[in-house]
Amino acid sequence: MLSERGRGWNIVRRLASRVDTSSSPGGGKVVRAEVAAPLPRPVRARRPDRQVVG
């Protein structure tokens, strides 16, 4: 049977360009991951010869 645990860390490591972990004072762990956001697509100007006549 396949385990349902432990997959998240592999996903984070593959997607992130940088990962930092530290212990939390109350117990547990803090994970900070840096993931690059995709650049927005440039907006293309409308061509003046394609006007809608109505």
PDB file of N, CA and C in Angstrom:
ATOM      1  N   MET A   1       0.842  -1.185   0.000  1.00  0.00           N
ATOM      2  CA  MET A   1       0.000   0.000   0.000  1.00  0.00           C
ATOM      3  C   MET A   1       0.883   1.244   0.000  1.00  0.00           C
ATOM      4  N   LEU A   2       0.558   2.242  -0.838  1.00  0.00           N
ATOM      5  CA  LEU A   2       1.350   3.463  -0.922  1.00  0.00           C
ATOM      6  C   LEU A   2       1.041   4.390   0.243  1.00  0.00           C
ATOM      7  N   SER A   3       2.073   5.002   0.751  1.00  0.00           N
ATOM      8  CA  SER A   3       1.911   5.941   1.862  1.00  0.00           C
ATOM      9  C   SER A   3       1.267   7.239   1.381  1.00  0.00           C
ATOM     10  N   GLU A   4       0.419   7.824   2.183  1.00  0.00           N
ATOM     11  CA  GLU A   4      -0.208   9.109   1.881  1.00  0.00           C
ATOM     12  C   GLU A   4       0.530  10.255   2.558  1.00  0.00           C
ATOM     13  N   ARG A   5       1.656   9.968   3.190  1.00  0.00           N
ATOM     14  CA  ARG A   5       2.400  11.009   3.907  1.00  0.00           C
ATOM     15  C   ARG A   5       3.768  11.209   3.260  1.00  0.00           C
ATOM     16  N   GLY A   6       4.331  12.401   3.475  1.00  0.00           N
ATOM     17  CA  GLY A   6       5.691  12.662   3.048  1.00  0.00           C
ATOM     18  C   GLY A   6       5.861  13.167   1.631  1.00  0.00           C
ATOM     19  N   ARG A   7       4.792  13.422   0.928  1.00  0.00           N
ATOM     20  CA  ARG A   7       4.909  13.897  -0.455  1.00  0.00           C
ATOM     21  C   ARG A   7       5.097  15.405  -0.540  1.00  0.00           C
ATOM     22  N   GLY A   8       4.593  16.123   0.410  1.00  0.00           N
ATOM     23  CA  GLY A   8       4.642  17.596   0.365  1.00  0.00           C
ATOM     24  C   GLY A   8       6.048  18.150   0.329  1.00  0.00           C
ATOM     25  N   TRP A   9       6.953  17.591   1.088  1.00  0.00           N
ATOM     26  CA  TRP A   9       8.325  18.084   1.139  1.00  0.00           C
ATOM     27  C   TRP A   9       8.996  17.934  -0.232  1.00  0.00           C
ATOM     28  N   ASN A  10       8.785  16.823  -0.916  1.00  0.00           N
ATOM     29  CA  ASN A  10       9.346  16.634  -2.248  1.00  0.00           C
ATOM     30  C   ASN A  10       8.782  17.652  -3.237  1.00  0.00           C
ATOM     31  N   ILE A  11       7.509  17.950  -3.148  1.00  0.00           N
ATOM     32  CA  ILE A  11       6.886  18.935  -4.032  1.00  0.00           C
ATOM     33  C   ILE A  11       7.476  20.316  -3.781  1.00  0.00           C
ATOM     34  N   VAL A  12       7.599  20.704  -2.521  1.00  0.00           N
ATOM     35  CA  VAL A  12       8.164  22.009  -2.172  1.00  0.00           C
ATOM     36  C   VAL A  12       9.595  22.121  -2.697  1.00  0.00           C
ATOM     37  N   ARG A  13      10.389  21.117  -2.500  1.00  0.00           N
ATOM     38  CA  ARG A  13      11.790  21.161  -2.932  1.00  0.00           C
ATOM     39  C   ARG A  13      11.911  21.262  -4.450  1.00  0.00           C
ATOM     40  N   ARG A  14      11.010  20.645  -5.187  1.00  0.00           N
ATOM     41  CA  ARG A  14      11.076  20.710  -6.653  1.00  0.00           C
ATOM     42  C   ARG A  14      10.597  22.052  -7.197  1.00  0.00           C
ATOM     43  N   LEU A  15       9.605  22.662  -6.548  1.00  0.00           N
ATOM     44  CA  LEU A  15       9.054  23.914  -7.046  1.00  0.00           C
ATOM     45  C   LEU A  15       9.821  25.149  -6.587  1.00  0.00           C
ATOM     46  N   ALA A  16      10.435  25.080  -5.424  1.00  0.00           N
ATOM     47  CA  ALA A  16      11.075  26.254  -4.838  1.00  0.00           C
ATOM     48  C   ALA A  16      12.519  26.395  -5.292  1.00  0.00           C
ATOM     49  N   SER A  17      12.923  27.645  -5.475  1.00  0.00           N
ATOM     50  CA  SER A  17      14.326  27.914  -5.789  1.00  0.00           C
ATOM     51  C   SER A  17      15.143  28.016  -4.505  1.00  0.00           C
ATOM     52  N   ARG A  18      14.467  28.232  -3.385  1.00  0.00           N
ATOM     53  CA  ARG A  18      15.139  28.330  -2.086  1.00  0.00           C
ATOM     54  C   ARG A  18      14.174  27.882  -0.992  1.00  0.00           C
ATOM     55  N   VAL A  19      14.678  27.110  -0.044  1.00  0.00           N
ATOM     56  CA  VAL A  19      13.863  26.637   1.078  1.00  0.00           C
ATOM     57  C   VAL A  19      14.672  26.795   2.353  1.00  0.00           C
ATOM     58  N   ASP A  20      14.065  27.397   3.374  1.00  0.00           N
ATOM     59  CA  ASP A  20      14.673  27.526   4.700  1.00  0.00           C
ATOM     60  C   ASP A  20      13.738  26.901   5.717  1.00  0.00           C
ATOM     61  N   THR A  21      14.291  26.192   6.663  1.00  0.00           N
ATOM     62  CA  THR A  21      13.493  25.623   7.747  1.00  0.00           C
ATOM     63  C   THR A  21      14.099  26.027   9.080  1.00  0.00           C
ATOM     64  N   SER A  22      13.249  26.153  10.079  1.00  0.00           N
ATOM     65  CA  SER A  22      13.711  26.435  11.441  1.00  0.00           C
ATOM     66  C   SER A  22      12.708  25.853  12.427  1.00  0.00           C
ATOM     67  N   SER A  23      13.157  25.666  13.641  1.00  0.00           N
ATOM     68  CA  SER A  23      12.276  25.154  14.697  1.00  0.00           C
ATOM     69  C   SER A  23      11.422  26.285  15.245  1.00  0.00           C
ATOM     70  N   SER A  24      10.194  25.976  15.540  1.00  0.00           N
ATOM     71  CA  SER A  24       9.286  26.944  16.129  1.00  0.00           C
ATOM     72  C   SER A  24       9.422  26.895  17.645  1.00  0.00           C
ATOM     73  N   PRO A  25       9.365  28.051  18.334  1.00  0.00           N
ATOM     74  CA  PRO A  25       9.514  28.054  19.796  1.00  0.00           C
ATOM     75  C   PRO A  25       8.473  27.191  20.515  1.00  0.00           C
ATOM     76  N   GLY A  26       7.282  27.085  19.963  1.00  0.00           N
ATOM     77  CA  GLY A  26       6.223  26.299  20.586  1.00  0.00           C
ATOM     78  C   GLY A  26       6.222  24.844  20.142  1.00  0.00           C
ATOM     79  N   GLY A  27       7.255  24.447  19.429  1.00  0.00           N
ATOM     80  CA  GLY A  27       7.295  23.097  18.863  1.00  0.00           C
ATOM     81  C   GLY A  27       6.903  23.133  17.406  1.00  0.00           C
ATOM     82  N   GLY A  28       7.312  22.176  16.690  1.00  0.00           N
ATOM     83  CA  GLY A  28       7.000  22.127  15.269  1.00  0.00           C
ATOM     84  C   GLY A  28       8.097  22.752  14.435  1.00  0.00           C
ATOM     85  N   LYS A  29       7.765  23.095  13.203  1.00  0.00           N
ATOM     86  CA  LYS A  29       8.751  23.584  12.251  1.00  0.00           C
ATOM     87  C   LYS A  29       8.156  24.715  11.430  1.00  0.00           C
ATOM     88  N   VAL A  30       9.000  25.684  11.068  1.00  0.00           N
ATOM     89  CA  VAL A  30       8.617  26.766  10.170  1.00  0.00           C
ATOM     90  C   VAL A  30       9.355  26.538   8.861  1.00  0.00           C
ATOM     91  N   VAL A  31       8.628  26.558   7.752  1.00  0.00           N
ATOM     92  CA  VAL A  31       9.223  26.362   6.435  1.00  0.00           C
ATOM     93  C   VAL A  31       8.941  27.595   5.604  1.00  0.00           C
ATOM     94  N   ARG A  32       9.994  28.158   5.011  1.00  0.00           N
ATOM     95  CA  ARG A  32       9.857  29.295   4.105  1.00  0.00           C
ATOM     96  C   ARG A  32      10.381  28.848   2.750  1.00  0.00           C
ATOM     97  N   ALA A  33       9.561  29.000   1.713  1.00  0.00           N
ATOM     98  CA  ALA A  33       9.950  28.588   0.366  1.00  0.00           C
ATOM     99  C   ALA A  33       9.823  29.765  -0.582  1.00  0.00           C
ATOM    100  N   GLU A  34      10.816  29.924  -1.432  1.00  0.00           N
ATOM    101  CA  GLU A  34      10.804  30.983  -2.439  1.00  0.00           C
ATOM    102  C   GLU A  34      10.482  30.345  -3.785  1.00  0.00           C
ATOM    103  N   VAL A  35       9.366  30.791  -4.365  1.00  0.00           N
ATOM    104  CA  VAL A  35       8.907  30.255  -5.642  1.00  0.00           C
ATOM    105  C   VAL A  35       8.749  31.423  -6.605  1.00  0.00           C
ATOM    106  N   ALA A  36       9.357  31.324  -7.771  1.00  0.00           N
ATOM    107  CA  ALA A  36       9.263  32.395  -8.761  1.00  0.00           C
ATOM    108  C   ALA A  36       7.856  32.440  -9.344  1.00  0.00           C
ATOM    109  N   ALA A  37       7.311  33.643  -9.427  1.00  0.00           N
ATOM    110  CA  ALA A  37       5.987  33.828 -10.033  1.00  0.00           C
ATOM    111  C   ALA A  37       6.166  34.023 -11.528  1.00  0.00           C
ATOM    112  N   PRO A  38       5.268  33.485 -12.343  1.00  0.00           N
ATOM    113  CA  PRO A  38       5.393  33.689 -13.787  1.00  0.00           C
ATOM    114  C   PRO A  38       5.198  35.161 -14.140  1.00  0.00           C
ATOM    115  N   LEU A  39       5.903  35.621 -15.157  1.00  0.00           N
ATOM    116  CA  LEU A  39       5.748  36.999 -15.606  1.00  0.00           C
ATOM    117  C   LEU A  39       4.414  37.150 -16.318  1.00  0.00           C
ATOM    118  N   PRO A  40       3.753  38.302 -16.135  1.00  0.00           N
ATOM    119  CA  PRO A  40       2.479  38.499 -16.836  1.00  0.00           C
ATOM    120  C   PRO A  40       2.719  38.601 -18.340  1.00  0.00           C
ATOM    121  N   ARG A  41       1.739  38.166 -19.102  1.00  0.00           N
ATOM    122  CA  ARG A  41       1.838  38.269 -20.561  1.00  0.00           C
ATOM    123  C   ARG A  41       1.725  39.730 -20.971  1.00  0.00           C
ATOM    124  N   PRO A  42       2.500  40.149 -21.970  1.00  0.00           N
ATOM    125  CA  PRO A  42       2.369  41.544 -22.427  1.00  0.00           C
ATOM    126  C   PRO A  42       1.013  41.766 -23.089  1.00  0.00           C
ATOM    127  N   VAL A  43       0.475  42.941 -22.924  1.00  0.00           N
ATOM    128  CA  VAL A  43      -0.805  43.292 -23.523  1.00  0.00           C
ATOM    129  C   VAL A  43      -0.546  43.748 -24.952  1.00  0.00           C
ATOM    130  N   ARG A  44      -1.204  43.102 -25.887  1.00  0.00           N
ATOM    131  CA  ARG A  44      -1.029  43.466 -27.292  1.00  0.00           C
ATOM    132  C   ARG A  44      -2.025  44.556 -27.659  1.00  0.00           C
ATOM    133  N   ALA A  45      -1.525  45.569 -28.344  1.00  0.00           N
ATOM    134  CA  ALA A  45      -2.393  46.671 -28.776  1.00  0.00           C
ATOM    135  C   ALA A  45      -3.288  46.189 -29.913  1.00  0.00           C
ATOM    136  N   ARG A  46      -4.489  46.716 -29.955  1.00  0.00           N
ATOM    137  CA  ARG A  46      -5.401  46.389 -31.055  1.00  0.00           C
ATOM    138  C   ARG A  46      -4.940  47.088 -32.326  1.00  0.00           C
ATOM    139  N   ARG A  47      -5.118  46.388 -33.417  1.00  0.00           N
ATOM    140  CA  ARG A  47      -4.777  46.995 -34.697  1.00  0.00           C
ATOM    141  C   ARG A  47      -5.918  47.905 -35.134  1.00  0.00           C
ATOM    142  N   PRO A  48      -5.602  49.137 -35.563  1.00  0.00           N
ATOM    143  CA  PRO A  48      -6.674  50.079 -35.934  1.00  0.00           C
ATOM    144  C   PRO A  48      -7.527  49.615 -37.113  1.00  0.00           C
ATOM    145  N   ASP A  49      -7.008  48.737 -37.982  1.00  0.00           N
ATOM    146  CA  ASP A  49      -7.785  48.290 -39.140  1.00  0.00           C
ATOM    147  C   ASP A  49      -8.800  47.200 -38.781  1.00  0.00           C
ATOM    148  N   ARG A  50      -8.863  46.794 -37.535  1.00  0.00           N
ATOM    149  CA  ARG A  50      -9.802  45.744 -37.122  1.00  0.00           C
ATOM    150  C   ARG A  50     -10.879  46.319 -36.191  1.00  0.00           C
ATOM    151  N   GLN A  51     -11.531  47.357 -36.621  1.00  0.00           N
ATOM    152  CA  GLN A  51     -12.570  47.954 -35.809  1.00  0.00           C
ATOM    153  C   GLN A  51     -13.899  47.262 -36.057  1.00  0.00           C
ATOM    154  N   VAL A  52     -14.691  47.170 -35.001  1.00  0.00           N
ATOM    155  CA  VAL A  52     -16.011  46.550 -35.096  1.00  0.00           C
ATOM    156  C   VAL A  52     -17.012  47.627 -35.493  1.00  0.00           C
ATOM    157  N   VAL A  53     -17.751  47.376 -36.561  1.00  0.00           N
ATOM    158  CA  VAL A  53     -18.761  48.310 -37.027  1.00  0.00           C
ATOM    159  C   VAL A  53     -20.122  47.740 -36.652  1.00  0.00           C
ATOM    160  N   GLY A  54     -20.934  48.562 -35.993  1.00  0.00           N
ATOM    161  CA  GLY A  54     -22.196  48.004 -35.548  1.00  0.00           C
ATOM    162  C   GLY A  54     -23.359  48.780 -35.780  1.00  0.00           C
TER     163      GLY A  54
END
